[in-house]
N, C-alpha and C. Protein backbone atom coordinates (compact mmCIF):
# COMPACT_ATOMS: atom_id res chain seq x y z
N MET A 1 -3.40 -54.83 95.53
CA MET A 1 -4.57 -55.25 94.81
C MET A 1 -5.17 -54.05 94.08
N THR A 2 -5.43 -54.21 92.81
CA THR A 2 -6.03 -53.16 92.01
C THR A 2 -7.54 -53.35 91.97
N VAL A 3 -8.26 -52.28 92.22
CA VAL A 3 -9.72 -52.33 92.14
C VAL A 3 -10.12 -51.72 90.81
N ARG A 4 -10.89 -52.46 90.04
CA ARG A 4 -11.34 -52.00 88.73
C ARG A 4 -12.70 -51.33 88.87
N ASP A 5 -12.81 -50.15 88.25
CA ASP A 5 -14.08 -49.42 88.24
C ASP A 5 -15.02 -50.09 87.25
N THR A 6 -16.13 -50.60 87.72
CA THR A 6 -17.12 -51.25 86.85
C THR A 6 -18.48 -50.55 86.94
N THR A 7 -18.50 -49.40 87.58
CA THR A 7 -19.75 -48.67 87.77
C THR A 7 -19.80 -47.48 86.81
N GLY A 8 -20.91 -47.35 86.11
CA GLY A 8 -21.08 -46.22 85.20
C GLY A 8 -21.47 -44.95 85.92
N PRO A 9 -21.49 -43.85 85.20
CA PRO A 9 -21.92 -42.57 85.78
C PRO A 9 -23.38 -42.63 86.23
N GLU A 10 -23.76 -41.63 87.02
CA GLU A 10 -25.15 -41.57 87.49
C GLU A 10 -26.10 -41.30 86.32
N GLN A 11 -27.38 -41.52 86.57
CA GLN A 11 -28.41 -41.32 85.55
C GLN A 11 -28.54 -39.84 85.21
N VAL A 12 -28.74 -39.58 83.94
CA VAL A 12 -28.90 -38.21 83.44
C VAL A 12 -30.38 -37.83 83.51
N ASP A 13 -30.64 -36.57 83.84
CA ASP A 13 -32.01 -36.04 83.80
C ASP A 13 -32.17 -35.21 82.54
N LEU A 14 -33.28 -35.41 81.84
CA LEU A 14 -33.58 -34.60 80.67
C LEU A 14 -34.25 -33.32 81.14
N ILE A 15 -33.77 -32.19 80.66
CA ILE A 15 -34.25 -30.89 81.13
C ILE A 15 -35.25 -30.27 80.15
N SER A 16 -34.87 -30.14 78.90
CA SER A 16 -35.80 -29.54 77.94
C SER A 16 -35.54 -30.10 76.55
N PRO A 17 -36.56 -30.13 75.72
CA PRO A 17 -37.93 -29.72 76.04
C PRO A 17 -38.58 -30.70 77.00
N THR A 18 -39.54 -30.21 77.76
CA THR A 18 -40.26 -31.08 78.68
C THR A 18 -41.13 -32.04 77.88
N SER A 19 -41.49 -33.15 78.48
CA SER A 19 -42.25 -34.18 77.78
C SER A 19 -43.58 -33.63 77.27
N GLY A 20 -43.86 -33.92 76.01
CA GLY A 20 -45.11 -33.49 75.39
C GLY A 20 -45.09 -32.10 74.79
N THR A 21 -43.95 -31.41 74.88
CA THR A 21 -43.85 -30.05 74.34
C THR A 21 -44.05 -30.06 72.83
N SER A 22 -44.82 -29.10 72.34
CA SER A 22 -45.04 -28.94 70.90
C SER A 22 -44.10 -27.85 70.39
N ILE A 23 -43.36 -28.16 69.34
CA ILE A 23 -42.34 -27.27 68.78
C ILE A 23 -42.74 -26.95 67.35
N THR A 24 -42.70 -25.67 66.96
CA THR A 24 -43.19 -25.27 65.64
C THR A 24 -42.08 -24.96 64.64
N ILE A 25 -40.86 -25.40 64.91
CA ILE A 25 -39.75 -25.27 63.96
C ILE A 25 -39.08 -26.63 63.82
N SER A 26 -38.30 -26.80 62.76
CA SER A 26 -37.70 -28.12 62.49
C SER A 26 -36.37 -28.34 63.19
N SER A 27 -35.94 -27.38 64.01
CA SER A 27 -34.70 -27.55 64.77
C SER A 27 -34.98 -27.31 66.24
N LEU A 28 -34.22 -27.94 67.09
CA LEU A 28 -34.40 -27.75 68.52
C LEU A 28 -33.13 -28.10 69.26
N SER A 29 -33.07 -27.67 70.49
CA SER A 29 -31.95 -27.98 71.37
C SER A 29 -32.45 -28.91 72.47
N LEU A 30 -31.77 -30.03 72.64
CA LEU A 30 -32.12 -30.99 73.68
C LEU A 30 -31.16 -30.80 74.84
N ALA A 31 -31.68 -30.40 76.00
CA ALA A 31 -30.83 -30.12 77.16
C ALA A 31 -30.96 -31.25 78.18
N ARG A 32 -29.87 -31.49 78.92
CA ARG A 32 -29.83 -32.54 79.94
C ARG A 32 -28.93 -32.09 81.08
N SER A 33 -29.01 -32.82 82.18
CA SER A 33 -28.14 -32.54 83.32
C SER A 33 -26.76 -33.14 83.08
N THR A 34 -25.83 -32.80 83.94
CA THR A 34 -24.50 -33.37 83.91
C THR A 34 -24.47 -34.57 84.86
N ALA A 35 -23.89 -35.66 84.41
CA ALA A 35 -23.80 -36.87 85.23
C ALA A 35 -22.45 -36.92 85.95
N ILE A 36 -22.48 -37.32 87.20
CA ILE A 36 -21.26 -37.47 88.00
C ILE A 36 -20.83 -38.94 87.98
N ASP A 37 -19.54 -39.16 87.81
CA ASP A 37 -18.98 -40.51 87.91
C ASP A 37 -17.92 -40.47 89.00
N SER A 38 -18.14 -41.19 90.08
CA SER A 38 -17.22 -41.13 91.22
C SER A 38 -15.93 -41.93 91.00
N GLY A 39 -15.88 -42.70 89.93
CA GLY A 39 -14.67 -43.48 89.65
C GLY A 39 -13.68 -42.71 88.79
N VAL A 40 -13.77 -42.88 87.49
CA VAL A 40 -12.79 -42.30 86.58
C VAL A 40 -13.27 -41.02 85.90
N GLY A 41 -14.52 -40.65 86.08
CA GLY A 41 -15.04 -39.41 85.51
C GLY A 41 -15.84 -39.63 84.25
N THR A 42 -16.88 -38.82 84.09
CA THR A 42 -17.73 -38.86 82.90
C THR A 42 -17.02 -38.19 81.74
N THR A 43 -17.01 -38.84 80.59
CA THR A 43 -16.34 -38.27 79.42
C THR A 43 -17.26 -38.00 78.24
N GLY A 44 -18.48 -38.48 78.28
CA GLY A 44 -19.37 -38.25 77.15
C GLY A 44 -20.79 -38.69 77.43
N TYR A 45 -21.64 -38.41 76.45
CA TYR A 45 -23.06 -38.74 76.55
C TYR A 45 -23.52 -39.28 75.21
N PHE A 46 -24.31 -40.34 75.24
CA PHE A 46 -24.88 -40.93 74.03
C PHE A 46 -26.36 -40.59 74.02
N TYR A 47 -26.83 -40.00 72.94
CA TYR A 47 -28.25 -39.65 72.85
C TYR A 47 -28.90 -40.36 71.67
N GLN A 48 -30.20 -40.58 71.80
CA GLN A 48 -31.00 -41.20 70.75
C GLN A 48 -32.32 -40.46 70.64
N VAL A 49 -32.78 -40.28 69.41
CA VAL A 49 -34.11 -39.75 69.12
C VAL A 49 -34.77 -40.75 68.20
N SER A 50 -36.01 -41.12 68.53
CA SER A 50 -36.74 -42.13 67.76
C SER A 50 -38.15 -41.64 67.47
N SER A 51 -38.76 -42.23 66.47
CA SER A 51 -40.16 -41.91 66.16
C SER A 51 -41.11 -42.84 66.90
N ASN A 52 -40.57 -43.75 67.73
CA ASN A 52 -41.43 -44.61 68.55
C ASN A 52 -40.79 -44.81 69.92
N ALA A 53 -41.62 -44.99 70.91
CA ALA A 53 -41.15 -45.06 72.30
C ALA A 53 -40.34 -46.32 72.60
N SER A 54 -40.43 -47.33 71.75
CA SER A 54 -39.64 -48.54 71.96
C SER A 54 -38.22 -48.43 71.39
N PHE A 55 -37.96 -47.37 70.64
CA PHE A 55 -36.66 -47.13 70.01
C PHE A 55 -36.25 -48.27 69.08
N SER A 56 -37.26 -48.92 68.46
CA SER A 56 -36.93 -49.98 67.51
C SER A 56 -36.27 -49.42 66.25
N THR A 57 -36.51 -48.15 65.97
CA THR A 57 -35.78 -47.43 64.92
C THR A 57 -35.31 -46.11 65.52
N THR A 58 -34.16 -45.66 65.07
CA THR A 58 -33.59 -44.42 65.57
C THR A 58 -33.56 -43.40 64.45
N VAL A 59 -34.08 -42.21 64.72
CA VAL A 59 -34.07 -41.13 63.74
C VAL A 59 -32.70 -40.45 63.75
N ILE A 60 -32.21 -40.15 64.94
CA ILE A 60 -30.91 -39.50 65.11
C ILE A 60 -30.26 -40.07 66.37
N SER A 61 -28.96 -40.31 66.31
CA SER A 61 -28.22 -40.72 67.50
C SER A 61 -26.80 -40.19 67.38
N GLY A 62 -26.13 -40.10 68.49
CA GLY A 62 -24.76 -39.62 68.46
C GLY A 62 -24.21 -39.44 69.85
N THR A 63 -23.01 -38.90 69.93
CA THR A 63 -22.37 -38.65 71.21
C THR A 63 -21.94 -37.19 71.29
N THR A 64 -21.91 -36.71 72.51
CA THR A 64 -21.35 -35.39 72.78
C THR A 64 -20.34 -35.56 73.90
N LYS A 65 -19.46 -34.61 74.03
CA LYS A 65 -18.46 -34.68 75.10
C LYS A 65 -19.08 -34.12 76.38
N THR A 66 -18.78 -32.91 76.72
CA THR A 66 -19.25 -32.39 77.99
C THR A 66 -20.37 -31.36 77.87
N GLU A 67 -20.79 -31.03 76.67
CA GLU A 67 -21.87 -30.07 76.51
C GLU A 67 -23.12 -30.58 77.21
N THR A 68 -23.93 -29.67 77.70
CA THR A 68 -25.15 -30.10 78.40
C THR A 68 -26.35 -30.20 77.47
N GLY A 69 -26.10 -30.34 76.21
CA GLY A 69 -27.19 -30.51 75.27
C GLY A 69 -26.66 -30.66 73.87
N VAL A 70 -27.59 -30.83 72.95
CA VAL A 70 -27.23 -30.97 71.55
C VAL A 70 -28.32 -30.28 70.72
N SER A 71 -27.91 -29.60 69.66
CA SER A 71 -28.88 -28.96 68.76
C SER A 71 -29.05 -29.84 67.55
N LEU A 72 -30.29 -30.07 67.17
CA LEU A 72 -30.61 -30.95 66.05
C LEU A 72 -31.50 -30.22 65.06
N ILE A 73 -31.39 -30.57 63.77
CA ILE A 73 -32.20 -29.95 62.73
C ILE A 73 -32.81 -31.01 61.84
N GLY A 74 -33.79 -30.61 61.04
CA GLY A 74 -34.32 -31.47 59.99
C GLY A 74 -35.48 -32.37 60.38
N PHE A 75 -36.20 -32.04 61.42
CA PHE A 75 -37.33 -32.87 61.82
C PHE A 75 -38.55 -32.60 60.97
N SER A 76 -39.31 -33.63 60.68
CA SER A 76 -40.62 -33.52 60.04
C SER A 76 -41.68 -33.50 61.13
N ASN A 77 -42.89 -33.10 60.78
CA ASN A 77 -43.97 -33.12 61.75
C ASN A 77 -44.17 -34.53 62.30
N GLY A 78 -44.43 -34.61 63.59
CA GLY A 78 -44.67 -35.90 64.23
C GLY A 78 -44.23 -35.89 65.67
N THR A 79 -44.46 -37.00 66.34
CA THR A 79 -44.05 -37.17 67.73
C THR A 79 -42.74 -37.94 67.77
N TYR A 80 -41.82 -37.47 68.59
CA TYR A 80 -40.50 -38.08 68.73
C TYR A 80 -40.24 -38.36 70.20
N TYR A 81 -39.32 -39.28 70.44
CA TYR A 81 -38.95 -39.69 71.80
C TYR A 81 -37.44 -39.59 71.91
N ARG A 82 -36.96 -39.25 73.11
CA ARG A 82 -35.51 -39.13 73.28
C ARG A 82 -35.08 -39.73 74.60
N ARG A 83 -33.82 -40.13 74.63
CA ARG A 83 -33.20 -40.64 75.85
C ARG A 83 -31.70 -40.43 75.72
N VAL A 84 -31.01 -40.50 76.84
CA VAL A 84 -29.56 -40.28 76.85
C VAL A 84 -28.96 -41.04 78.02
N TYR A 85 -27.70 -41.41 77.89
CA TYR A 85 -26.97 -41.96 79.03
C TYR A 85 -25.53 -41.48 78.97
N ALA A 86 -24.90 -41.46 80.14
CA ALA A 86 -23.51 -40.99 80.26
C ALA A 86 -22.54 -42.17 80.10
N ILE A 87 -21.33 -41.83 79.69
CA ILE A 87 -20.25 -42.81 79.50
C ILE A 87 -19.03 -42.31 80.25
N ASP A 88 -18.33 -43.21 80.96
CA ASP A 88 -17.10 -42.77 81.63
C ASP A 88 -15.87 -43.10 80.78
N SER A 89 -14.70 -42.72 81.26
CA SER A 89 -13.49 -42.81 80.44
C SER A 89 -13.02 -44.24 80.15
N ILE A 90 -13.56 -45.24 80.84
CA ILE A 90 -13.18 -46.62 80.51
C ILE A 90 -14.34 -47.39 79.87
N GLY A 91 -15.39 -46.67 79.48
CA GLY A 91 -16.48 -47.29 78.73
C GLY A 91 -17.67 -47.76 79.53
N ASN A 92 -17.67 -47.57 80.84
CA ASN A 92 -18.86 -47.93 81.62
C ASN A 92 -19.98 -46.96 81.26
N THR A 93 -21.17 -47.49 81.11
CA THR A 93 -22.31 -46.64 80.77
C THR A 93 -23.23 -46.50 81.97
N GLY A 94 -23.82 -45.33 82.08
CA GLY A 94 -24.78 -45.08 83.14
C GLY A 94 -26.16 -45.60 82.75
N VAL A 95 -27.07 -45.52 83.69
CA VAL A 95 -28.46 -45.91 83.44
C VAL A 95 -29.06 -44.91 82.46
N ARG A 96 -29.83 -45.41 81.49
CA ARG A 96 -30.49 -44.50 80.55
C ARG A 96 -31.44 -43.56 81.28
N SER A 97 -31.57 -42.37 80.74
CA SER A 97 -32.53 -41.42 81.28
C SER A 97 -33.94 -41.95 81.04
N SER A 98 -34.89 -41.31 81.66
CA SER A 98 -36.28 -41.61 81.33
C SER A 98 -36.51 -41.20 79.88
N ILE A 99 -37.54 -41.72 79.28
CA ILE A 99 -37.87 -41.38 77.89
C ILE A 99 -38.82 -40.20 77.92
N ARG A 100 -38.52 -39.20 77.12
CA ARG A 100 -39.38 -38.02 77.00
C ARG A 100 -39.82 -37.86 75.55
N SER A 101 -41.01 -37.35 75.37
CA SER A 101 -41.51 -37.11 74.02
C SER A 101 -41.52 -35.62 73.72
N PHE A 102 -41.49 -35.29 72.45
CA PHE A 102 -41.73 -33.93 71.99
C PHE A 102 -42.42 -34.03 70.64
N ILE A 103 -43.15 -33.00 70.30
CA ILE A 103 -43.96 -33.00 69.08
C ILE A 103 -43.46 -31.88 68.17
N ILE A 104 -43.15 -32.23 66.93
CA ILE A 104 -42.83 -31.21 65.93
C ILE A 104 -44.13 -30.93 65.18
N ALA A 105 -44.56 -29.67 65.22
CA ALA A 105 -45.82 -29.26 64.58
C ALA A 105 -45.57 -27.97 63.80
N ILE A 106 -44.90 -28.11 62.66
CA ILE A 106 -44.57 -26.96 61.83
C ILE A 106 -45.82 -26.57 61.04
N PRO A 107 -46.27 -25.32 61.17
CA PRO A 107 -47.47 -24.91 60.43
C PRO A 107 -47.24 -25.04 58.93
N THR A 108 -48.25 -25.48 58.23
CA THR A 108 -48.14 -25.58 56.77
C THR A 108 -48.55 -24.26 56.16
N ASN A 109 -47.93 -23.93 55.05
CA ASN A 109 -48.27 -22.70 54.32
C ASN A 109 -49.44 -23.03 53.41
N ASN A 110 -50.54 -22.34 53.63
CA ASN A 110 -51.73 -22.64 52.81
C ASN A 110 -51.81 -21.73 51.60
N GLY A 111 -50.71 -21.08 51.24
CA GLY A 111 -50.68 -20.24 50.05
C GLY A 111 -51.48 -18.95 50.19
N GLY A 112 -51.80 -18.55 51.39
CA GLY A 112 -52.53 -17.32 51.61
C GLY A 112 -54.04 -17.48 51.53
N ASN A 113 -54.50 -18.68 51.29
CA ASN A 113 -55.94 -18.92 51.23
C ASN A 113 -56.46 -19.29 52.60
N ASN A 114 -57.38 -18.52 53.10
CA ASN A 114 -57.95 -18.82 54.41
C ASN A 114 -59.34 -19.32 54.31
């Protein structure tokens, strides 16, 4: 009898930036923990960044293999939300991470007038 693995990897923890962190540049690195999959092994991670906590629209999304984070560029000022989940080699997905926010607050150049 063959037993089929139907369980996804464990839940990923988001490491940095911590929720509510204010960032003053348009690029950042999003770090996360490594997820363990006791069946066939974790092979990737799917991440999403949205401008709203419901993720009804996605600003950036993608997958990474085994890296513990992803570097992103091109953010405008505002509050963003992120989440990630792990994927195993047969397509089972883990539970999504908690949602964390971060704030992009790039100082504006006032032309030297104070």
